[in-house]
Amino acid sequence: MVPIEIAVKYFIPYLKGVLIHRLAEKGYTQFKVAKLMGLTQSMVNKYLQKDISYYYKRLYENGISRK
């Protein structure tokens, strides 16, 4: 697998999930988060349906610590 494919499959979706949750915790609306991240509001909502701990767990399983 090419390194970019590894990042796209194993890291980027979970990093997005963490970032979306953090922005929402700071008070950003789903619409504003979507605009900032180049996503649709419905995709942001889909990320928010899973708890942030899910995204941290998946990153940890792939070798990225929470720190």
Protein backbone atom coordinates (compact mmCIF):
# COMPACT_ATOMS: atom_id res chain seq x y z
CA MET A 1 0.00 0.00 0.00
CA VAL A 2 1.23 3.49 -0.86
CA PRO A 3 1.82 5.69 2.24
CA ILE A 4 -0.93 8.15 1.30
CA GLU A 5 -3.40 5.28 1.04
CA ILE A 6 -2.42 4.16 4.54
CA ALA A 7 -3.01 7.66 5.90
CA VAL A 8 -6.36 7.97 4.14
CA LYS A 9 -7.56 4.60 5.41
CA TYR A 10 -6.15 4.42 8.94
CA PHE A 11 -5.58 7.95 10.22
CA ILE A 12 -7.37 10.80 8.48
CA PRO A 13 -10.98 9.74 9.17
CA TYR A 14 -10.25 9.35 12.88
CA LEU A 15 -8.31 12.61 13.09
CA LYS A 16 -11.29 14.31 11.43
CA GLY A 17 -13.58 12.77 14.03
CA VAL A 18 -11.48 14.14 16.89
CA LEU A 19 -11.25 17.59 15.30
CA ILE A 20 -14.97 17.75 14.59
CA HIS A 21 -15.75 16.83 18.20
CA ARG A 22 -13.29 19.40 19.53
CA LEU A 23 -14.77 22.17 17.38
CA ALA A 24 -18.28 21.21 18.45
CA GLU A 25 -17.17 21.30 22.11
CA LYS A 26 -15.90 24.84 21.53
CA GLY A 27 -19.38 25.89 20.42
CA TYR A 28 -19.09 25.74 16.65
CA THR A 29 -22.31 24.75 14.89
CA GLN A 30 -22.37 21.72 12.64
CA PHE A 31 -22.80 24.05 9.68
CA LYS A 32 -19.71 26.10 10.65
CA VAL A 33 -17.62 22.95 11.23
CA ALA A 34 -18.73 21.65 7.84
CA LYS A 35 -17.66 24.87 6.13
CA LEU A 36 -14.28 24.88 7.89
CA MET A 37 -13.56 21.25 7.02
CA GLY A 38 -15.01 21.17 3.52
CA LEU A 39 -17.70 18.67 4.46
CA THR A 40 -21.46 18.64 4.40
CA GLN A 41 -23.43 19.30 7.58
CA SER A 42 -24.83 15.77 7.38
CA MET A 43 -21.32 14.29 7.31
CA VAL A 44 -20.38 16.33 10.38
CA ASN A 45 -23.51 15.01 12.08
CA LYS A 46 -22.47 11.46 11.18
CA TYR A 47 -19.05 11.99 12.81
CA LEU A 48 -20.71 13.43 15.92
CA GLN A 49 -22.99 10.42 16.32
CA LYS A 50 -19.98 8.42 17.52
CA ASP A 51 -18.35 9.39 20.80
CA ILE A 52 -14.93 11.04 20.64
CA SER A 53 -13.50 8.07 22.56
CA TYR A 54 -14.22 5.90 19.49
CA TYR A 55 -11.90 8.05 17.38
CA TYR A 56 -9.17 8.09 20.04
CA LYS A 57 -9.41 4.32 20.38
CA ARG A 58 -9.08 3.78 16.64
CA LEU A 59 -6.06 6.08 16.45
CA TYR A 60 -4.46 4.27 19.40
CA GLU A 61 -5.05 0.92 17.68
CA ASN A 62 -3.22 2.32 14.67
CA GLY A 63 -0.21 3.47 16.67
CA ILE A 64 -1.10 7.07 17.54
CA SER A 65 -1.23 7.99 21.22
CA ARG A 66 -3.74 10.45 22.64
CA LYS A 67 -0.96 12.89 23.53
